[in-house]
């Protein structure tokens, strides 16, 4: 339970710092808000696959594997986009 609380707390702090970073008037850059879009899109492939793919017990299906692949790509992009934006 403590790990879950720590994870949610760090996520809340990260999103707060992201919003504060975009709110600075001296820079006027709002591109980092695209990271929020990636955070919102992250569970979409998994939810779609759970709805479309038949429940096959413990066996995995191609639809679910594709959903896991797409979700991992979105998660990597959510971590990589701020690094690219910081470099530019």
N, C-alpha and C. Protein backbone atom coordinates (compact mmCIF):
# COMPACT_ATOMS: atom_id res chain seq x y z
N UNK A 1 0.83 -1.19 0.00
CA UNK A 1 0.00 0.00 0.00
C UNK A 1 0.88 1.25 0.00
N UNK A 2 2.00 1.18 0.69
CA UNK A 2 2.88 2.35 0.76
C UNK A 2 3.48 2.67 -0.61
N UNK A 3 3.79 1.63 -1.38
CA UNK A 3 4.35 1.86 -2.72
C UNK A 3 3.32 2.52 -3.63
N UNK A 4 2.07 2.13 -3.51
CA UNK A 4 1.01 2.73 -4.32
C UNK A 4 0.80 4.19 -3.95
N UNK A 5 0.86 4.49 -2.67
CA UNK A 5 0.71 5.88 -2.22
C UNK A 5 1.88 6.72 -2.72
N UNK A 6 3.09 6.17 -2.65
CA UNK A 6 4.27 6.89 -3.12
C UNK A 6 4.21 7.12 -4.63
N UNK A 7 3.72 6.13 -5.37
CA UNK A 7 3.60 6.27 -6.82
C UNK A 7 2.57 7.33 -7.19
N UNK A 8 1.43 7.34 -6.53
CA UNK A 8 0.42 8.35 -6.83
C UNK A 8 0.88 9.74 -6.40
N UNK A 9 1.60 9.82 -5.30
CA UNK A 9 2.12 11.11 -4.85
C UNK A 9 3.14 11.66 -5.83
N UNK A 10 4.04 10.81 -6.32
CA UNK A 10 5.05 11.28 -7.27
C UNK A 10 4.41 11.65 -8.61
N UNK A 11 3.36 10.93 -9.01
CA UNK A 11 2.65 11.30 -10.23
C UNK A 11 1.96 12.64 -10.10
N UNK A 12 1.37 12.89 -8.94
CA UNK A 12 0.70 14.17 -8.72
C UNK A 12 1.71 15.32 -8.70
N UNK A 13 2.85 15.10 -8.09
CA UNK A 13 3.90 16.12 -8.07
C UNK A 13 4.42 16.38 -9.48
N UNK A 14 4.61 15.31 -10.26
CA UNK A 14 5.10 15.47 -11.63
C UNK A 14 4.14 16.24 -12.50
N UNK A 15 2.85 15.94 -12.41
CA UNK A 15 1.86 16.67 -13.19
C UNK A 15 1.73 18.13 -12.74
N UNK A 16 1.88 18.36 -11.45
CA UNK A 16 1.84 19.73 -10.95
C UNK A 16 3.02 20.53 -11.48
N UNK A 17 4.22 19.94 -11.46
CA UNK A 17 5.38 20.64 -11.99
C UNK A 17 5.28 20.87 -13.49
N UNK A 18 4.67 19.93 -14.21
CA UNK A 18 4.46 20.11 -15.64
C UNK A 18 3.54 21.29 -15.91
N UNK A 19 2.45 21.38 -15.17
CA UNK A 19 1.52 22.51 -15.34
C UNK A 19 2.18 23.83 -14.95
N UNK A 20 2.96 23.83 -13.88
CA UNK A 20 3.63 25.05 -13.47
C UNK A 20 4.69 25.47 -14.47
N UNK A 21 5.35 24.49 -15.09
CA UNK A 21 6.35 24.80 -16.11
C UNK A 21 5.74 25.44 -17.33
N UNK A 22 4.53 25.08 -17.66
CA UNK A 22 3.84 25.68 -18.81
C UNK A 22 3.21 27.01 -18.46
N UNK A 23 3.06 27.31 -17.20
CA UNK A 23 2.39 28.53 -16.79
C UNK A 23 3.32 29.73 -16.70
N UNK A 24 4.61 29.53 -16.91
CA UNK A 24 5.55 30.65 -16.82
C UNK A 24 5.36 31.58 -18.01
N UNK A 25 5.09 32.83 -17.73
CA UNK A 25 4.85 33.81 -18.79
C UNK A 25 6.12 34.18 -19.55
N UNK A 26 7.27 34.06 -18.89
CA UNK A 26 8.50 34.50 -19.54
C UNK A 26 8.87 33.61 -20.72
N UNK A 27 8.46 32.35 -20.71
CA UNK A 27 8.78 31.45 -21.81
C UNK A 27 7.68 31.40 -22.85
N UNK A 28 6.44 31.34 -22.44
CA UNK A 28 5.31 31.31 -23.37
C UNK A 28 5.26 30.05 -24.22
N UNK A 29 5.74 28.96 -23.69
CA UNK A 29 5.77 27.69 -24.43
C UNK A 29 4.80 26.73 -23.77
N UNK A 30 3.89 26.21 -24.58
CA UNK A 30 2.89 25.29 -24.05
C UNK A 30 3.02 23.90 -24.65
N UNK A 31 4.10 23.60 -25.36
CA UNK A 31 4.30 22.28 -25.96
C UNK A 31 4.38 21.16 -24.94
N UNK A 32 4.91 21.37 -23.74
CA UNK A 32 4.95 20.27 -22.77
C UNK A 32 3.58 19.74 -22.37
N UNK A 33 2.52 20.50 -22.63
CA UNK A 33 1.18 20.00 -22.31
C UNK A 33 0.79 18.81 -23.17
N UNK A 34 1.51 18.56 -24.26
CA UNK A 34 1.26 17.37 -25.08
C UNK A 34 1.53 16.09 -24.29
N UNK A 35 2.36 16.19 -23.28
CA UNK A 35 2.63 15.02 -22.44
C UNK A 35 1.36 14.59 -21.73
N UNK A 36 0.52 15.54 -21.36
CA UNK A 36 -0.75 15.19 -20.72
C UNK A 36 -1.65 14.39 -21.67
N UNK A 37 -1.59 14.74 -22.94
CA UNK A 37 -2.34 13.97 -23.93
C UNK A 37 -1.86 12.53 -23.98
N UNK A 38 -0.56 12.34 -23.92
CA UNK A 38 -0.02 10.97 -23.92
C UNK A 38 -0.42 10.21 -22.65
N UNK A 39 -0.47 10.91 -21.53
CA UNK A 39 -0.89 10.26 -20.29
C UNK A 39 -2.36 9.85 -20.36
N UNK A 40 -3.17 10.64 -21.03
CA UNK A 40 -4.58 10.30 -21.17
C UNK A 40 -4.80 9.18 -22.18
N UNK A 41 -3.95 9.10 -23.21
CA UNK A 41 -4.09 8.07 -24.24
C UNK A 41 -3.50 6.72 -23.82
N UNK A 42 -2.73 6.71 -22.79
CA UNK A 42 -2.01 5.49 -22.40
C UNK A 42 -2.91 4.28 -22.17
N UNK A 43 -4.00 4.36 -21.45
CA UNK A 43 -4.80 3.15 -21.23
C UNK A 43 -5.74 2.79 -22.38
N UNK A 44 -5.84 3.64 -23.40
CA UNK A 44 -6.81 3.41 -24.47
C UNK A 44 -6.61 2.10 -25.23
N UNK A 45 -5.38 1.73 -25.66
CA UNK A 45 -5.24 0.46 -26.38
C UNK A 45 -5.62 -0.75 -25.53
N UNK A 46 -5.28 -0.71 -24.27
CA UNK A 46 -5.59 -1.84 -23.39
C UNK A 46 -7.11 -1.97 -23.20
N UNK A 47 -7.79 -0.84 -23.03
CA UNK A 47 -9.24 -0.88 -22.87
C UNK A 47 -9.92 -1.36 -24.14
N UNK A 48 -9.41 -0.93 -25.28
CA UNK A 48 -9.97 -1.37 -26.56
C UNK A 48 -9.77 -2.87 -26.76
N UNK A 49 -8.58 -3.36 -26.44
CA UNK A 49 -8.30 -4.79 -26.61
C UNK A 49 -9.13 -5.64 -25.67
N UNK A 50 -9.35 -5.16 -24.47
CA UNK A 50 -10.16 -5.92 -23.52
C UNK A 50 -11.61 -5.99 -23.99
N UNK A 51 -12.05 -4.95 -24.68
CA UNK A 51 -13.42 -4.94 -25.16
C UNK A 51 -13.59 -5.77 -26.44
N UNK A 52 -12.58 -5.73 -27.32
CA UNK A 52 -12.68 -6.40 -28.61
C UNK A 52 -12.28 -7.87 -28.58
N UNK A 53 -11.22 -8.19 -27.85
CA UNK A 53 -10.70 -9.55 -27.84
C UNK A 53 -11.55 -10.42 -26.91
N UNK A 54 -11.88 -11.63 -27.34
CA UNK A 54 -12.63 -12.52 -26.44
C UNK A 54 -11.76 -12.96 -25.27
N UNK A 55 -12.38 -13.14 -24.14
CA UNK A 55 -11.65 -13.58 -22.95
C UNK A 55 -11.28 -15.04 -23.12
N UNK A 56 -9.99 -15.30 -23.24
CA UNK A 56 -9.52 -16.66 -23.47
C UNK A 56 -8.85 -17.25 -22.24
N UNK A 57 -9.25 -16.84 -21.09
CA UNK A 57 -8.67 -17.38 -19.86
C UNK A 57 -7.26 -16.85 -19.66
N UNK A 58 -6.31 -17.78 -19.53
CA UNK A 58 -4.92 -17.39 -19.30
C UNK A 58 -4.14 -17.20 -20.58
N UNK A 59 -4.69 -17.63 -21.71
CA UNK A 59 -3.97 -17.51 -22.98
C UNK A 59 -4.02 -16.07 -23.48
N UNK A 60 -2.97 -15.69 -24.19
CA UNK A 60 -2.89 -14.35 -24.74
C UNK A 60 -3.33 -14.37 -26.20
N UNK A 61 -3.86 -13.27 -26.67
CA UNK A 61 -4.29 -13.17 -28.06
C UNK A 61 -3.44 -12.12 -28.77
N UNK A 62 -3.50 -12.13 -30.09
CA UNK A 62 -2.74 -11.17 -30.87
C UNK A 62 -3.23 -9.75 -30.62
N UNK A 63 -4.51 -9.59 -30.41
CA UNK A 63 -5.08 -8.27 -30.16
C UNK A 63 -4.54 -7.69 -28.84
N UNK A 64 -4.48 -8.51 -27.84
CA UNK A 64 -3.95 -8.04 -26.55
C UNK A 64 -2.46 -7.76 -26.62
N UNK A 65 -1.73 -8.57 -27.37
CA UNK A 65 -0.30 -8.33 -27.52
C UNK A 65 -0.05 -7.02 -28.25
N UNK A 66 -0.84 -6.74 -29.28
CA UNK A 66 -0.72 -5.48 -29.99
C UNK A 66 -1.07 -4.30 -29.07
N UNK A 67 -2.06 -4.49 -28.23
CA UNK A 67 -2.43 -3.43 -27.28
C UNK A 67 -1.31 -3.17 -26.29
N UNK A 68 -0.66 -4.22 -25.81
CA UNK A 68 0.47 -4.04 -24.89
C UNK A 68 1.62 -3.33 -25.60
N UNK A 69 1.85 -3.66 -26.87
CA UNK A 69 2.91 -3.02 -27.64
C UNK A 69 2.61 -1.53 -27.83
N UNK A 70 1.38 -1.21 -28.20
CA UNK A 70 1.00 0.19 -28.39
C UNK A 70 1.06 0.97 -27.08
N UNK A 71 0.63 0.35 -26.00
CA UNK A 71 0.69 1.01 -24.70
C UNK A 71 2.13 1.28 -24.29
N UNK A 72 3.02 0.32 -24.53
CA UNK A 72 4.42 0.54 -24.17
C UNK A 72 5.03 1.64 -25.04
N UNK A 73 4.63 1.73 -26.30
CA UNK A 73 5.11 2.82 -27.14
C UNK A 73 4.64 4.18 -26.65
N UNK A 74 3.41 4.27 -26.20
CA UNK A 74 2.89 5.52 -25.67
C UNK A 74 3.60 5.90 -24.38
N UNK A 75 3.87 4.91 -23.53
CA UNK A 75 4.57 5.19 -22.27
C UNK A 75 5.99 5.67 -22.53
N UNK A 76 6.69 5.02 -23.46
CA UNK A 76 8.05 5.46 -23.79
C UNK A 76 8.02 6.86 -24.38
N UNK A 77 7.02 7.16 -25.20
CA UNK A 77 6.89 8.50 -25.76
C UNK A 77 6.59 9.54 -24.68
N UNK A 78 5.82 9.15 -23.69
CA UNK A 78 5.50 10.07 -22.60
C UNK A 78 6.74 10.42 -21.79
N UNK A 79 7.69 9.50 -21.70
CA UNK A 79 8.93 9.80 -21.00
C UNK A 79 9.94 10.47 -21.94
N UNK A 80 9.90 10.14 -23.22
CA UNK A 80 10.89 10.67 -24.15
C UNK A 80 10.58 12.06 -24.65
N UNK A 81 9.30 12.41 -24.78
CA UNK A 81 8.93 13.73 -25.30
C UNK A 81 9.47 14.87 -24.44
N UNK A 82 9.38 14.81 -23.12
CA UNK A 82 9.98 15.91 -22.32
C UNK A 82 11.50 16.00 -22.50
N UNK A 83 12.16 14.87 -22.70
CA UNK A 83 13.60 14.90 -22.91
C UNK A 83 13.94 15.57 -24.25
N UNK A 84 13.17 15.28 -25.28
CA UNK A 84 13.39 15.90 -26.58
C UNK A 84 13.07 17.38 -26.52
N UNK A 85 11.98 17.74 -25.85
CA UNK A 85 11.63 19.15 -25.73
C UNK A 85 12.64 19.92 -24.90
N UNK A 86 13.23 19.29 -23.91
CA UNK A 86 14.26 19.96 -23.10
C UNK A 86 15.54 20.17 -23.92
N UNK A 87 15.80 19.26 -24.82
CA UNK A 87 17.00 19.36 -25.66
C UNK A 87 16.84 20.46 -26.71
N UNK A 88 15.63 20.61 -27.22
CA UNK A 88 15.38 21.62 -28.26
C UNK A 88 15.28 22.97 -27.59
